[in-house]
Amino acid sequence: MILHKKTQPLLETLKLKGCLKNLVTIVSTAEKKQISYIAFLDNLLNAEITDRTERRLKRNIAGAHFPVIIQIEEFNPDRVKGTTTKNIQQLLDFRWINYHYNLLFFGPPGLGKTHLAIALGVKAIEVGYTVCFDSWAEMLGDTVMTTALLDRLLHHAYVFTLDGESYRIKNRKEELPS
């Protein structure tokens, strides 16, 4: 344990939080299983990478300012017109981000436009992109700002116009007693 007391400040100085959190367990396992030095180092570095990845995801999810966290798997494209499972799978390759395109979802309330935007944002973060989820509805009162905004958004955009029965209304009907 004296070695751990000397090692911990070094890990703190190097900001190796994942190594620090897992050091005792990894050392204990290495001693019990008598693993090689390189296997020990590999386990320690993998713990650091896992910790950094988890912290990055948490930080970027919080920084995106999503109103809720929603997964793409929860969206059923068969319930609405205007998008398909194939469209969604194509969006999940994120080439549209690399080409600096916008995604615009239009349609009546309750069809899943926000759900899609958030879920695609969450997936983008999971694969390494950063996301900022902002609402631009407050600009709609200003004609000049709205026109400028739409001009810029539509210039390089994939536009999806959704139609169908509102998820909220459908769920409400299912909740009401007959």
C-alpha atoms as a PDB file:
ATOM      1  CA  MET A   1       0.000   0.000   0.000  1.00  0.00           C
ATOM      2  CA  ILE A   2       2.943   2.364   0.461  1.00  0.00           C
ATOM      3  CA  LEU A   3       3.543   2.185  -3.285  1.00  0.00           C
ATOM      4  CA  HIS A   4      -0.066   3.280  -3.901  1.00  0.00           C
ATOM      5  CA  LYS A   5       0.478   6.317  -1.668  1.00  0.00           C
ATOM      6  CA  LYS A   6       3.461   7.321  -3.806  1.00  0.00           C
ATOM      7  CA  THR A   7       1.695   6.545  -7.085  1.00  0.00           C
ATOM      8  CA  GLN A   8      -1.562   8.371  -6.379  1.00  0.00           C
ATOM      9  CA  PRO A   9      -0.043  11.889  -6.349  1.00  0.00           C
ATOM     10  CA  LEU A  10       1.753  11.110  -9.612  1.00  0.00           C
ATOM     11  CA  LEU A  11      -1.518  10.036 -11.247  1.00  0.00           C
ATOM     12  CA  GLU A  12      -3.206  13.172  -9.888  1.00  0.00           C
ATOM     13  CA  THR A  13      -0.422  15.381 -11.277  1.00  0.00           C
ATOM     14  CA  LEU A  14      -0.775  13.728 -14.687  1.00  0.00           C
ATOM     15  CA  LYS A  15      -4.581  14.056 -14.421  1.00  0.00           C
ATOM     16  CA  LEU A  16      -5.036  10.312 -14.955  1.00  0.00           C
ATOM     17  CA  LYS A  17      -8.349  10.122 -13.104  1.00  0.00           C
ATOM     18  CA  GLY A  18      -9.367   6.773 -14.596  1.00  0.00           C
ATOM     19  CA  CYS A  19      -6.094   5.175 -13.557  1.00  0.00           C
ATOM     20  CA  LEU A  20      -6.431   6.694 -10.103  1.00  0.00           C
ATOM     21  CA  LYS A  21     -10.003   5.433  -9.625  1.00  0.00           C
ATOM     22  CA  ASN A  22      -9.108   1.903 -10.730  1.00  0.00           C
ATOM     23  CA  LEU A  23      -5.538   1.547  -9.456  1.00  0.00           C
ATOM     24  CA  VAL A  24      -6.255  -0.512  -6.328  1.00  0.00           C
ATOM     25  CA  THR A  25      -8.539  -2.947  -8.170  1.00  0.00           C
ATOM     26  CA  ILE A  26      -6.189  -3.356 -11.130  1.00  0.00           C
ATOM     27  CA  VAL A  27      -3.128  -3.865  -8.887  1.00  0.00           C
ATOM     28  CA  SER A  28      -5.028  -6.365  -6.755  1.00  0.00           C
ATOM     29  CA  THR A  29      -6.186  -8.319  -9.818  1.00  0.00           C
ATOM     30  CA  ALA A  30      -2.673  -8.247 -11.309  1.00  0.00           C
ATOM     31  CA  GLU A  31      -1.178  -9.601  -8.092  1.00  0.00           C
ATOM     32  CA  LYS A  32      -3.790 -12.373  -7.764  1.00  0.00           C
ATOM     33  CA  LYS A  33      -3.585 -13.462 -11.399  1.00  0.00           C
ATOM     34  CA  GLN A  34       0.154 -12.773 -11.722  1.00  0.00           C
ATOM     35  CA  ILE A  35      -0.296 -10.991 -15.042  1.00  0.00           C
ATOM     36  CA  SER A  36       2.604  -9.556 -16.980  1.00  0.00           C
ATOM     37  CA  TYR A  37       3.740  -5.944 -16.621  1.00  0.00           C
ATOM     38  CA  ILE A  38       2.516  -5.123 -20.099  1.00  0.00           C
ATOM     39  CA  ALA A  39      -0.922  -6.661 -19.392  1.00  0.00           C
ATOM     40  CA  PHE A  40      -1.081  -4.623 -16.168  1.00  0.00           C
ATOM     41  CA  LEU A  41      -0.189  -1.443 -18.043  1.00  0.00           C
ATOM     42  CA  ASP A  42      -2.749  -2.291 -20.732  1.00  0.00           C
ATOM     43  CA  ASN A  43      -5.481  -2.725 -18.078  1.00  0.00           C
ATOM     44  CA  LEU A  44      -4.536   0.546 -16.414  1.00  0.00           C
ATOM     45  CA  LEU A  45      -4.506   2.512 -19.681  1.00  0.00           C
ATOM     46  CA  ASN A  46      -7.802   0.966 -20.787  1.00  0.00           C
ATOM     47  CA  ALA A  47      -9.338   2.078 -17.489  1.00  0.00           C
ATOM     48  CA  GLU A  48      -8.116   5.622 -18.227  1.00  0.00           C
ATOM     49  CA  ILE A  49      -9.541   5.594 -21.756  1.00  0.00           C
ATOM     50  CA  THR A  50     -12.894   4.251 -20.546  1.00  0.00           C
ATOM     51  CA  ASP A  51     -13.069   6.910 -17.842  1.00  0.00           C
ATOM     52  CA  ARG A  52     -12.182   9.726 -20.262  1.00  0.00           C
ATOM     53  CA  THR A  53     -14.765   8.512 -22.775  1.00  0.00           C
ATOM     54  CA  GLU A  54     -17.485   8.399 -20.106  1.00  0.00           C
ATOM     55  CA  ARG A  55     -16.566  11.870 -18.814  1.00  0.00           C
ATOM     56  CA  ARG A  56     -16.493  13.283 -22.365  1.00  0.00           C
ATOM     57  CA  LEU A  57     -19.939  11.851 -23.085  1.00  0.00           C
ATOM     58  CA  LYS A  58     -21.393  13.271 -19.856  1.00  0.00           C
ATOM     59  CA  ARG A  59     -19.782  16.665 -20.465  1.00  0.00           C
ATOM     60  CA  ASN A  60     -20.920  16.865 -24.084  1.00  0.00           C
ATOM     61  CA  ILE A  61     -24.454  15.665 -23.326  1.00  0.00           C
ATOM     62  CA  ALA A  62     -24.726  18.345 -20.617  1.00  0.00           C
ATOM     63  CA  GLY A  63     -23.188  20.962 -22.936  1.00  0.00           C
ATOM     64  CA  ALA A  64     -25.692  20.215 -25.710  1.00  0.00           C
ATOM     65  CA  HIS A  65     -28.510  21.581 -23.523  1.00  0.00           C
ATOM     66  CA  PHE A  66     -31.026  18.949 -24.594  1.00  0.00           C
ATOM     67  CA  PRO A  67     -34.373  19.438 -22.839  1.00  0.00           C
ATOM     68  CA  VAL A  68     -34.523  15.631 -22.377  1.00  0.00           C
ATOM     69  CA  ILE A  69     -32.357  12.695 -23.432  1.00  0.00           C
ATOM     70  CA  ILE A  70     -34.040  10.527 -26.060  1.00  0.00           C
ATOM     71  CA  GLN A  71     -32.618   7.592 -27.989  1.00  0.00           C
ATOM     72  CA  ILE A  72     -33.163   7.078 -31.725  1.00  0.00           C
ATOM     73  CA  GLU A  73     -34.302   3.491 -31.082  1.00  0.00           C
ATOM     74  CA  GLU A  74     -37.414   4.917 -29.387  1.00  0.00           C
ATOM     75  CA  PHE A  75     -38.537   6.634 -32.612  1.00  0.00           C
ATOM     76  CA  ASN A  76     -40.856   4.684 -34.923  1.00  0.00           C
ATOM     77  CA  PRO A  77     -40.579   6.117 -38.458  1.00  0.00           C
ATOM     78  CA  ASP A  78     -43.513   3.966 -39.609  1.00  0.00           C
ATOM     79  CA  ARG A  79     -45.860   6.157 -37.535  1.00  0.00           C
ATOM     80  CA  VAL A  80     -45.232   9.278 -39.624  1.00  0.00           C
ATOM     81  CA  LYS A  81     -45.016  10.182 -43.284  1.00  0.00           C
ATOM     82  CA  GLY A  82     -41.959  12.063 -44.491  1.00  0.00           C
ATOM     83  CA  THR A  83     -39.137   9.883 -43.221  1.00  0.00           C
ATOM     84  CA  THR A  84     -38.198   6.210 -43.348  1.00  0.00           C
ATOM     85  CA  THR A  85     -35.983   3.795 -41.493  1.00  0.00           C
ATOM     86  CA  LYS A  86     -33.571   4.061 -44.426  1.00  0.00           C
ATOM     87  CA  ASN A  87     -33.476   7.895 -44.092  1.00  0.00           C
ATOM     88  CA  ILE A  88     -32.669   7.610 -40.409  1.00  0.00           C
ATOM     89  CA  GLN A  89     -29.960   4.999 -41.001  1.00  0.00           C
ATOM     90  CA  GLN A  90     -28.397   7.295 -43.596  1.00  0.00           C
ATOM     91  CA  LEU A  91     -28.462  10.193 -41.147  1.00  0.00           C
ATOM     92  CA  LEU A  92     -26.710   8.038 -38.565  1.00  0.00           C
ATOM     93  CA  ASP A  93     -23.579   7.883 -40.725  1.00  0.00           C
ATOM     94  CA  PHE A  94     -23.232  11.638 -39.996  1.00  0.00           C
ATOM     95  CA  ARG A  95     -21.884  12.542 -43.435  1.00  0.00           C
ATOM     96  CA  TRP A  96     -24.306  15.477 -43.323  1.00  0.00           C
ATOM     97  CA  ILE A  97     -22.303  16.879 -40.406  1.00  0.00           C
ATOM     98  CA  ASN A  98     -19.011  16.426 -42.246  1.00  0.00           C
ATOM     99  CA  TYR A  99     -20.477  18.290 -45.242  1.00  0.00           C
ATOM    100  CA  HIS A 100     -21.838  21.044 -42.939  1.00  0.00           C
ATOM    101  CA  TYR A 101     -25.473  20.378 -43.795  1.00  0.00           C
ATOM    102  CA  ASN A 102     -28.412  21.179 -41.540  1.00  0.00           C
ATOM    103  CA  LEU A 103     -31.351  18.906 -40.816  1.00  0.00           C
ATOM    104  CA  LEU A 104     -34.723  20.603 -40.797  1.00  0.00           C
ATOM    105  CA  PHE A 105     -37.839  18.830 -39.574  1.00  0.00           C
ATOM    106  CA  PHE A 106     -41.178  20.483 -40.354  1.00  0.00           C
ATOM    107  CA  GLY A 107     -44.709  19.374 -39.590  1.00  0.00           C
ATOM    108  CA  PRO A 108     -47.547  19.575 -37.089  1.00  0.00           C
ATOM    109  CA  PRO A 109     -46.891  19.186 -33.364  1.00  0.00           C
ATOM    110  CA  GLY A 110     -46.448  15.768 -31.824  1.00  0.00           C
ATOM    111  CA  LEU A 111     -44.938  13.887 -34.777  1.00  0.00           C
ATOM    112  CA  GLY A 112     -41.441  13.481 -33.347  1.00  0.00           C
ATOM    113  CA  LYS A 113     -39.485  16.370 -34.864  1.00  0.00           C
ATOM    114  CA  THR A 114     -37.846  17.268 -31.556  1.00  0.00           C
ATOM    115  CA  HIS A 115     -37.426  13.580 -30.749  1.00  0.00           C
ATOM    116  CA  LEU A 116     -35.497  13.049 -33.988  1.00  0.00           C
ATOM    117  CA  ALA A 117     -33.353  16.151 -33.492  1.00  0.00           C
ATOM    118  CA  ILE A 118     -32.413  15.211 -29.931  1.00  0.00           C
ATOM    119  CA  ALA A 119     -31.879  11.515 -30.688  1.00  0.00           C
ATOM    120  CA  LEU A 120     -29.615  12.289 -33.653  1.00  0.00           C
ATOM    121  CA  GLY A 121     -27.733  14.784 -31.473  1.00  0.00           C
ATOM    122  CA  VAL A 122     -27.215  12.182 -28.747  1.00  0.00           C
ATOM    123  CA  LYS A 123     -25.906   9.651 -31.290  1.00  0.00           C
ATOM    124  CA  ALA A 124     -23.614  12.298 -32.790  1.00  0.00           C
ATOM    125  CA  ILE A 125     -22.131  12.930 -29.345  1.00  0.00           C
ATOM    126  CA  GLU A 126     -21.702   9.202 -28.772  1.00  0.00           C
ATOM    127  CA  VAL A 127     -19.572   8.911 -31.925  1.00  0.00           C
ATOM    128  CA  GLY A 128     -17.444  11.958 -31.075  1.00  0.00           C
ATOM    129  CA  TYR A 129     -19.144  15.101 -32.387  1.00  0.00           C
ATOM    130  CA  THR A 130     -20.121  18.057 -30.224  1.00  0.00           C
ATOM    131  CA  VAL A 131     -23.669  19.338 -30.403  1.00  0.00           C
ATOM    132  CA  CYS A 132     -25.509  22.467 -29.338  1.00  0.00           C
ATOM    133  CA  PHE A 133     -29.280  22.095 -29.197  1.00  0.00           C
ATOM    134  CA  ASP A 134     -30.821  25.543 -29.493  1.00  0.00           C
ATOM    135  CA  SER A 135     -34.313  26.688 -30.221  1.00  0.00           C
ATOM    136  CA  TRP A 136     -34.611  29.460 -32.755  1.00  0.00           C
ATOM    137  CA  ALA A 137     -38.356  29.963 -32.273  1.00  0.00           C
ATOM    138  CA  GLU A 138     -37.792  33.252 -30.417  1.00  0.00           C
ATOM    139  CA  MET A 139     -36.490  34.804 -33.663  1.00  0.00           C
ATOM    140  CA  LEU A 140     -39.732  34.151 -35.512  1.00  0.00           C
ATOM    141  CA  GLY A 141     -41.200  37.434 -34.281  1.00  0.00           C
ATOM    142  CA  ASP A 142     -38.583  39.393 -36.238  1.00  0.00           C
ATOM    143  CA  THR A 143     -39.198  39.174 -40.012  1.00  0.00           C
ATOM    144  CA  VAL A 144     -35.663  40.196 -41.002  1.00  0.00           C
ATOM    145  CA  MET A 145     -34.042  37.738 -38.571  1.00  0.00           C
ATOM    146  CA  THR A 146     -36.412  34.939 -39.613  1.00  0.00           C
ATOM    147  CA  THR A 147     -35.697  35.491 -43.323  1.00  0.00           C
ATOM    148  CA  ALA A 148     -31.930  35.583 -42.747  1.00  0.00           C
ATOM    149  CA  LEU A 149     -32.098  32.488 -40.558  1.00  0.00           C
ATOM    150  CA  LEU A 150     -34.155  30.476 -43.034  1.00  0.00           C
ATOM    151  CA  ASP A 151     -31.924  31.569 -45.920  1.00  0.00           C
ATOM    152  CA  ARG A 152     -28.828  30.273 -44.128  1.00  0.00           C
ATOM    153  CA  LEU A 153     -30.486  27.101 -42.874  1.00  0.00           C
ATOM    154  CA  LEU A 154     -31.993  26.115 -46.197  1.00  0.00           C
ATOM    155  CA  HIS A 155     -28.825  26.804 -48.206  1.00  0.00           C
ATOM    156  CA  HIS A 156     -27.247  23.477 -47.183  1.00  0.00           C
ATOM    157  CA  ALA A 157     -30.012  21.428 -45.640  1.00  0.00           C
ATOM    158  CA  TYR A 158     -31.829  18.152 -45.766  1.00  0.00           C
ATOM    159  CA  VAL A 159     -35.490  18.976 -45.233  1.00  0.00           C
ATOM    160  CA  PHE A 160     -37.974  16.458 -43.829  1.00  0.00           C
ATOM    161  CA  THR A 161     -41.667  17.363 -43.814  1.00  0.00           C
ATOM    162  CA  LEU A 162     -43.425  15.013 -41.435  1.00  0.00           C
ATOM    163  CA  ASP A 163     -47.128  14.241 -41.414  1.00  0.00           C
ATOM    164  CA  GLY A 164     -49.340  11.847 -39.530  1.00  0.00           C
ATOM    165  CA  GLU A 165     -51.115  11.449 -36.212  1.00  0.00           C
ATOM    166  CA  SER A 166     -49.609  13.193 -33.208  1.00  0.00           C
ATOM    167  CA  TYR A 167     -47.828  10.878 -30.768  1.00  0.00           C
ATOM    168  CA  ARG A 168     -49.207  12.894 -27.870  1.00  0.00           C
ATOM    169  CA  ILE A 169     -52.807  12.732 -29.090  1.00  0.00           C
ATOM    170  CA  LYS A 170     -52.520   9.020 -29.875  1.00  0.00           C
ATOM    171  CA  ASN A 171     -51.038   8.298 -26.457  1.00  0.00           C
ATOM    172  CA  ARG A 172     -53.738  10.416 -24.827  1.00  0.00           C
ATOM    173  CA  LYS A 173     -56.484   8.434 -26.635  1.00  0.00           C
ATOM    174  CA  GLU A 174     -54.908   5.184 -25.417  1.00  0.00           C
ATOM    175  CA  GLU A 175     -54.904   6.481 -21.817  1.00  0.00           C
ATOM    176  CA  LEU A 176     -58.575   7.532 -21.803  1.00  0.00           C
ATOM    177  CA  PRO A 177     -61.060   4.924 -20.525  1.00  0.00           C
ATOM    178  CA  SER A 178     -63.566   3.703 -23.123  1.00  0.00           C
END
